[in-house]
Amino acid sequence: MWQFVVKIAVTAAVVVASTEIARRSSLWGAALASLPLTSLLAFVWIYLETGNTQSIAALSHGIFWLVLASLPLFLVLPLLLRSGWNFWSSLGTACAITVCAYFALVWILGRFQVQL
């Protein structure tokens, strides 16, 4: 149980640090947020709990491909915001487009027999 609490605390600290840094400097906030911190934390937690490096390799492989589908979010969101859309509509639309991109990418990867 204590491991679960430590995981939550460390993960929350990373997210809070990212947002606090971003409030002070968009450059450094973006740099920190662009790091694959969630992935790195997942790798560490999986390794500490199981020692299974094959699971980590499979997860890393899947993340590599699926990160491509997340890129539209970072293009569409600022485009909509700069076009005068309100925040929530922009965020919702960008997320919906990103979800579609995930489904499309998974379908395309399946057609090329790429296993996730």
N, C-alpha and C. Protein backbone atom coordinates (compact mmCIF):
# COMPACT_ATOMS: atom_id res chain seq x y z
N MET A 1 0.82 -1.20 0.00
CA MET A 1 0.00 0.00 0.00
C MET A 1 0.86 1.26 0.00
N TRP A 2 1.96 1.23 0.76
CA TRP A 2 2.81 2.42 0.82
C TRP A 2 3.44 2.72 -0.54
N GLN A 3 3.68 1.68 -1.34
CA GLN A 3 4.24 1.91 -2.68
C GLN A 3 3.24 2.69 -3.55
N PHE A 4 1.98 2.37 -3.41
CA PHE A 4 0.94 3.07 -4.17
C PHE A 4 0.90 4.54 -3.77
N VAL A 5 1.00 4.81 -2.48
CA VAL A 5 0.99 6.19 -1.99
C VAL A 5 2.22 6.94 -2.49
N VAL A 6 3.38 6.29 -2.49
CA VAL A 6 4.61 6.92 -3.00
C VAL A 6 4.46 7.23 -4.48
N LYS A 7 3.89 6.30 -5.25
CA LYS A 7 3.67 6.53 -6.68
C LYS A 7 2.81 7.76 -6.91
N ILE A 8 1.73 7.84 -6.18
CA ILE A 8 0.83 8.98 -6.33
C ILE A 8 1.53 10.28 -5.96
N ALA A 9 2.27 10.27 -4.85
CA ALA A 9 2.96 11.48 -4.38
C ALA A 9 4.01 11.95 -5.38
N VAL A 10 4.82 11.03 -5.88
CA VAL A 10 5.87 11.39 -6.84
C VAL A 10 5.25 11.90 -8.13
N THR A 11 4.26 11.20 -8.63
CA THR A 11 3.60 11.60 -9.88
C THR A 11 2.93 12.96 -9.72
N ALA A 12 2.25 13.17 -8.63
CA ALA A 12 1.61 14.47 -8.38
C ALA A 12 2.65 15.57 -8.27
N ALA A 13 3.77 15.30 -7.63
CA ALA A 13 4.82 16.31 -7.50
C ALA A 13 5.36 16.72 -8.87
N VAL A 14 5.50 15.77 -9.77
CA VAL A 14 5.98 16.08 -11.13
C VAL A 14 4.99 16.98 -11.85
N VAL A 15 3.70 16.66 -11.75
CA VAL A 15 2.67 17.47 -12.41
C VAL A 15 2.62 18.87 -11.81
N VAL A 16 2.64 18.97 -10.50
CA VAL A 16 2.61 20.28 -9.84
C VAL A 16 3.85 21.09 -10.22
N ALA A 17 5.01 20.47 -10.23
CA ALA A 17 6.24 21.17 -10.62
C ALA A 17 6.12 21.70 -12.04
N SER A 18 5.58 20.90 -12.94
CA SER A 18 5.42 21.33 -14.33
C SER A 18 4.53 22.56 -14.43
N THR A 19 3.40 22.54 -13.73
CA THR A 19 2.49 23.67 -13.82
C THR A 19 3.07 24.92 -13.16
N GLU A 20 3.75 24.75 -12.05
CA GLU A 20 4.35 25.91 -11.38
C GLU A 20 5.46 26.53 -12.22
N ILE A 21 6.27 25.71 -12.82
CA ILE A 21 7.34 26.22 -13.69
C ILE A 21 6.73 26.89 -14.92
N ALA A 22 5.68 26.31 -15.48
CA ALA A 22 5.03 26.88 -16.67
C ALA A 22 4.42 28.24 -16.37
N ARG A 23 3.93 28.44 -15.16
CA ARG A 23 3.36 29.75 -14.81
C ARG A 23 4.43 30.83 -14.80
N ARG A 24 5.66 30.45 -14.50
CA ARG A 24 6.75 31.42 -14.42
C ARG A 24 7.47 31.60 -15.75
N SER A 25 7.57 30.52 -16.52
CA SER A 25 8.28 30.57 -17.80
C SER A 25 7.66 29.56 -18.75
N SER A 26 7.07 30.04 -19.84
CA SER A 26 6.46 29.11 -20.78
C SER A 26 7.53 28.24 -21.44
N LEU A 27 8.73 28.78 -21.65
CA LEU A 27 9.80 27.98 -22.24
C LEU A 27 10.17 26.80 -21.36
N TRP A 28 10.47 27.09 -20.09
CA TRP A 28 10.89 26.01 -19.19
C TRP A 28 9.74 25.08 -18.85
N GLY A 29 8.54 25.63 -18.77
CA GLY A 29 7.36 24.78 -18.55
C GLY A 29 7.14 23.84 -19.70
N ALA A 30 7.30 24.36 -20.92
CA ALA A 30 7.15 23.51 -22.11
C ALA A 30 8.25 22.47 -22.17
N ALA A 31 9.47 22.87 -21.81
CA ALA A 31 10.59 21.92 -21.83
C ALA A 31 10.33 20.78 -20.85
N LEU A 32 9.88 21.11 -19.66
CA LEU A 32 9.61 20.07 -18.66
C LEU A 32 8.42 19.22 -19.08
N ALA A 33 7.36 19.86 -19.56
CA ALA A 33 6.17 19.11 -19.96
C ALA A 33 6.43 18.23 -21.18
N SER A 34 7.39 18.62 -22.03
CA SER A 34 7.66 17.83 -23.22
C SER A 34 8.48 16.58 -22.93
N LEU A 35 9.10 16.56 -21.77
CA LEU A 35 9.83 15.35 -21.40
C LEU A 35 8.83 14.22 -21.18
N PRO A 36 9.19 13.03 -21.53
CA PRO A 36 8.26 11.91 -21.34
C PRO A 36 8.23 11.43 -19.89
N LEU A 37 7.90 12.37 -18.97
CA LEU A 37 7.97 12.05 -17.55
C LEU A 37 7.00 10.95 -17.15
N THR A 38 5.80 10.98 -17.71
CA THR A 38 4.83 9.93 -17.39
C THR A 38 5.37 8.57 -17.82
N SER A 39 5.95 8.53 -19.01
CA SER A 39 6.52 7.27 -19.50
C SER A 39 7.67 6.82 -18.63
N LEU A 40 8.55 7.75 -18.29
CA LEU A 40 9.69 7.39 -17.44
C LEU A 40 9.23 6.87 -16.08
N LEU A 41 8.24 7.54 -15.50
CA LEU A 41 7.71 7.06 -14.22
C LEU A 41 7.09 5.67 -14.37
N ALA A 42 6.36 5.44 -15.45
CA ALA A 42 5.76 4.12 -15.68
C ALA A 42 6.85 3.06 -15.81
N PHE A 43 7.92 3.37 -16.55
CA PHE A 43 9.03 2.42 -16.68
C PHE A 43 9.63 2.07 -15.32
N VAL A 44 9.86 3.10 -14.53
CA VAL A 44 10.46 2.88 -13.20
C VAL A 44 9.55 2.06 -12.32
N TRP A 45 8.25 2.43 -12.28
CA TRP A 45 7.32 1.70 -11.42
C TRP A 45 7.21 0.24 -11.86
N ILE A 46 7.11 0.00 -13.17
CA ILE A 46 7.01 -1.38 -13.66
C ILE A 46 8.26 -2.16 -13.30
N TYR A 47 9.43 -1.54 -13.51
CA TYR A 47 10.67 -2.25 -13.21
C TYR A 47 10.79 -2.56 -11.72
N LEU A 48 10.48 -1.58 -10.88
CA LEU A 48 10.59 -1.80 -9.44
C LEU A 48 9.62 -2.87 -8.95
N GLU A 49 8.44 -2.92 -9.57
CA GLU A 49 7.43 -3.89 -9.12
C GLU A 49 7.63 -5.28 -9.71
N THR A 50 8.09 -5.36 -10.96
CA THR A 50 8.16 -6.66 -11.62
C THR A 50 9.54 -7.06 -12.08
N GLY A 51 10.40 -6.08 -12.37
CA GLY A 51 11.71 -6.37 -12.94
C GLY A 51 11.61 -6.86 -14.38
N ASN A 52 10.44 -6.77 -14.96
CA ASN A 52 10.18 -7.30 -16.30
C ASN A 52 10.57 -6.27 -17.36
N THR A 53 11.75 -6.43 -17.90
CA THR A 53 12.23 -5.47 -18.91
C THR A 53 11.52 -5.65 -20.25
N GLN A 54 10.99 -6.83 -20.51
CA GLN A 54 10.25 -7.03 -21.76
C GLN A 54 8.94 -6.23 -21.76
N SER A 55 8.31 -6.12 -20.61
CA SER A 55 7.10 -5.29 -20.51
C SER A 55 7.44 -3.83 -20.75
N ILE A 56 8.57 -3.40 -20.23
CA ILE A 56 9.00 -2.03 -20.42
C ILE A 56 9.33 -1.78 -21.89
N ALA A 57 9.99 -2.73 -22.53
CA ALA A 57 10.32 -2.59 -23.95
C ALA A 57 9.05 -2.51 -24.79
N ALA A 58 8.05 -3.35 -24.48
CA ALA A 58 6.79 -3.34 -25.23
C ALA A 58 6.05 -2.01 -25.00
N LEU A 59 6.05 -1.53 -23.77
CA LEU A 59 5.40 -0.26 -23.47
C LEU A 59 6.10 0.88 -24.21
N SER A 60 7.41 0.88 -24.19
CA SER A 60 8.18 1.92 -24.88
C SER A 60 7.90 1.92 -26.38
N HIS A 61 7.82 0.74 -26.96
CA HIS A 61 7.53 0.60 -28.39
C HIS A 61 6.14 1.18 -28.71
N GLY A 62 5.16 0.83 -27.89
CA GLY A 62 3.81 1.34 -28.09
C GLY A 62 3.73 2.85 -27.94
N ILE A 63 4.43 3.38 -26.95
CA ILE A 63 4.45 4.82 -26.73
C ILE A 63 5.05 5.53 -27.94
N PHE A 64 6.12 4.97 -28.48
CA PHE A 64 6.76 5.59 -29.65
C PHE A 64 5.74 5.82 -30.75
N TRP A 65 4.97 4.80 -31.08
CA TRP A 65 4.00 4.93 -32.16
C TRP A 65 2.84 5.84 -31.79
N LEU A 66 2.33 5.69 -30.58
CA LEU A 66 1.12 6.44 -30.20
C LEU A 66 1.39 7.91 -29.92
N VAL A 67 2.62 8.27 -29.64
CA VAL A 67 2.92 9.68 -29.41
C VAL A 67 2.66 10.48 -30.69
N LEU A 68 2.76 9.83 -31.84
CA LEU A 68 2.47 10.51 -33.11
C LEU A 68 1.02 11.01 -33.15
N ALA A 69 0.12 10.22 -32.58
CA ALA A 69 -1.29 10.60 -32.58
C ALA A 69 -1.59 11.75 -31.62
N SER A 70 -0.70 11.98 -30.67
CA SER A 70 -0.93 13.08 -29.72
C SER A 70 -0.49 14.44 -30.28
N LEU A 71 0.30 14.44 -31.32
CA LEU A 71 0.84 15.69 -31.87
C LEU A 71 -0.23 16.66 -32.38
N PRO A 72 -1.32 16.19 -32.99
CA PRO A 72 -2.34 17.16 -33.43
C PRO A 72 -2.87 18.05 -32.30
N LEU A 73 -2.92 17.52 -31.08
CA LEU A 73 -3.39 18.33 -29.96
C LEU A 73 -2.58 19.61 -29.84
N PHE A 74 -1.27 19.49 -29.99
CA PHE A 74 -0.38 20.63 -29.79
C PHE A 74 -0.34 21.57 -30.99
N LEU A 75 -0.94 21.16 -32.09
CA LEU A 75 -1.09 22.05 -33.24
C LEU A 75 -2.46 22.70 -33.27
N VAL A 76 -3.49 21.91 -33.00
CA VAL A 76 -4.87 22.38 -33.09
C VAL A 76 -5.21 23.32 -31.93
N LEU A 77 -4.81 22.98 -30.71
CA LEU A 77 -5.17 23.81 -29.56
C LEU A 77 -4.70 25.26 -29.72
N PRO A 78 -3.41 25.52 -29.99
CA PRO A 78 -3.02 26.94 -30.14
C PRO A 78 -3.67 27.61 -31.34
N LEU A 79 -3.90 26.85 -32.40
CA LEU A 79 -4.55 27.42 -33.59
C LEU A 79 -5.96 27.91 -33.24
N LEU A 80 -6.71 27.09 -32.53
CA LEU A 80 -8.07 27.48 -32.15
C LEU A 80 -8.07 28.64 -31.16
N LEU A 81 -7.18 28.60 -30.18
CA LEU A 81 -7.11 29.68 -29.20
C LEU A 81 -6.75 31.00 -29.86
N ARG A 82 -5.80 30.96 -30.78
CA ARG A 82 -5.39 32.18 -31.47
C ARG A 82 -6.45 32.67 -32.46
N SER A 83 -7.36 31.76 -32.83
CA SER A 83 -8.46 32.15 -33.73
C SER A 83 -9.64 32.72 -32.97
N GLY A 84 -9.53 32.82 -31.66
CA GLY A 84 -10.58 33.43 -30.87
C GLY A 84 -11.53 32.47 -30.18
N TRP A 85 -11.32 31.17 -30.34
CA TRP A 85 -12.17 30.20 -29.65
C TRP A 85 -11.90 30.31 -28.15
N ASN A 86 -12.93 30.01 -27.34
CA ASN A 86 -12.69 30.01 -25.90
C ASN A 86 -11.91 28.76 -25.51
N PHE A 87 -11.36 28.79 -24.31
CA PHE A 87 -10.47 27.71 -23.88
C PHE A 87 -11.14 26.34 -23.91
N TRP A 88 -12.32 26.22 -23.30
CA TRP A 88 -12.96 24.91 -23.17
C TRP A 88 -13.36 24.33 -24.52
N SER A 89 -13.87 25.16 -25.40
CA SER A 89 -14.22 24.67 -26.74
C SER A 89 -12.97 24.25 -27.50
N SER A 90 -11.92 25.04 -27.36
CA SER A 90 -10.65 24.71 -28.03
C SER A 90 -10.10 23.40 -27.51
N LEU A 91 -10.09 23.26 -26.19
CA LEU A 91 -9.54 22.04 -25.58
C LEU A 91 -10.37 20.82 -25.97
N GLY A 92 -11.68 20.95 -25.90
CA GLY A 92 -12.55 19.83 -26.27
C GLY A 92 -12.39 19.42 -27.73
N THR A 93 -12.32 20.39 -28.61
CA THR A 93 -12.15 20.10 -30.04
C THR A 93 -10.79 19.46 -30.30
N ALA A 94 -9.75 20.02 -29.69
CA ALA A 94 -8.41 19.47 -29.87
C ALA A 94 -8.33 18.04 -29.34
N CYS A 95 -8.98 17.79 -28.20
CA CYS A 95 -8.99 16.43 -27.64
C CYS A 95 -9.76 15.47 -28.55
N ALA A 96 -10.89 15.92 -29.09
CA ALA A 96 -11.68 15.07 -29.99
C ALA A 96 -10.88 14.72 -31.24
N ILE A 97 -10.18 15.70 -31.79
CA ILE A 97 -9.34 15.45 -32.96
C ILE A 97 -8.23 14.47 -32.61
N THR A 98 -7.67 14.62 -31.42
CA THR A 98 -6.60 13.72 -30.98
C THR A 98 -7.12 12.29 -30.81
N VAL A 99 -8.31 12.14 -30.26
CA VAL A 99 -8.91 10.80 -30.12
C VAL A 99 -9.07 10.17 -31.51
N CYS A 100 -9.56 10.95 -32.46
CA CYS A 100 -9.71 10.45 -33.83
C CYS A 100 -8.35 10.06 -34.40
N ALA A 101 -7.34 10.86 -34.11
CA ALA A 101 -5.99 10.55 -34.59
C ALA A 101 -5.48 9.24 -33.99
N TYR A 102 -5.79 8.98 -32.72
CA TYR A 102 -5.40 7.71 -32.09
C TYR A 102 -6.06 6.53 -32.81
N PHE A 103 -7.36 6.62 -33.02
CA PHE A 103 -8.06 5.53 -33.70
C PHE A 103 -7.52 5.33 -35.11
N ALA A 104 -7.27 6.42 -35.82
CA ALA A 104 -6.74 6.32 -37.18
C ALA A 104 -5.35 5.69 -37.18
N LEU A 105 -4.51 6.12 -36.26
CA LEU A 105 -3.15 5.57 -36.21
C LEU A 105 -3.15 4.09 -35.85
N VAL A 106 -3.97 3.71 -34.89
CA VAL A 106 -4.06 2.29 -34.52
C VAL A 106 -4.54 1.47 -35.72
N TRP A 107 -5.51 1.99 -36.47
CA TRP A 107 -6.01 1.29 -37.65
C TRP A 107 -4.89 1.17 -38.69
N ILE A 108 -4.19 2.27 -38.95
CA ILE A 108 -3.09 2.26 -39.94
C ILE A 108 -2.00 1.29 -39.52
N LEU A 109 -1.61 1.34 -38.25
CA LEU A 109 -0.57 0.42 -37.77
C LEU A 109 -1.01 -1.03 -37.91
N GLY A 110 -2.28 -1.29 -37.66
CA GLY A 110 -2.81 -2.63 -37.84
C GLY A 110 -2.72 -3.09 -39.28
N ARG A 111 -2.98 -2.18 -40.20
CA ARG A 111 -2.89 -2.52 -41.63
C ARG A 111 -1.46 -2.87 -42.02
N PHE A 112 -0.48 -2.27 -41.34
CA PHE A 112 0.93 -2.57 -41.60
C PHE A 112 1.48 -3.62 -40.64
N GLN A 113 0.58 -4.23 -39.90
CA GLN A 113 0.91 -5.31 -38.97
C GLN A 113 1.94 -4.91 -37.91
N VAL A 114 1.86 -3.66 -37.47
CA VAL A 114 2.69 -3.20 -36.38
C VAL A 114 1.96 -3.54 -35.09
N GLN A 115 2.59 -4.32 -34.22
CA GLN A 115 1.97 -4.74 -32.98
C GLN A 115 2.24 -3.70 -31.89
N LEU A 116 1.18 -3.32 -31.19
CA LEU A 116 1.32 -2.39 -30.07
C LEU A 116 1.23 -3.13 -28.77
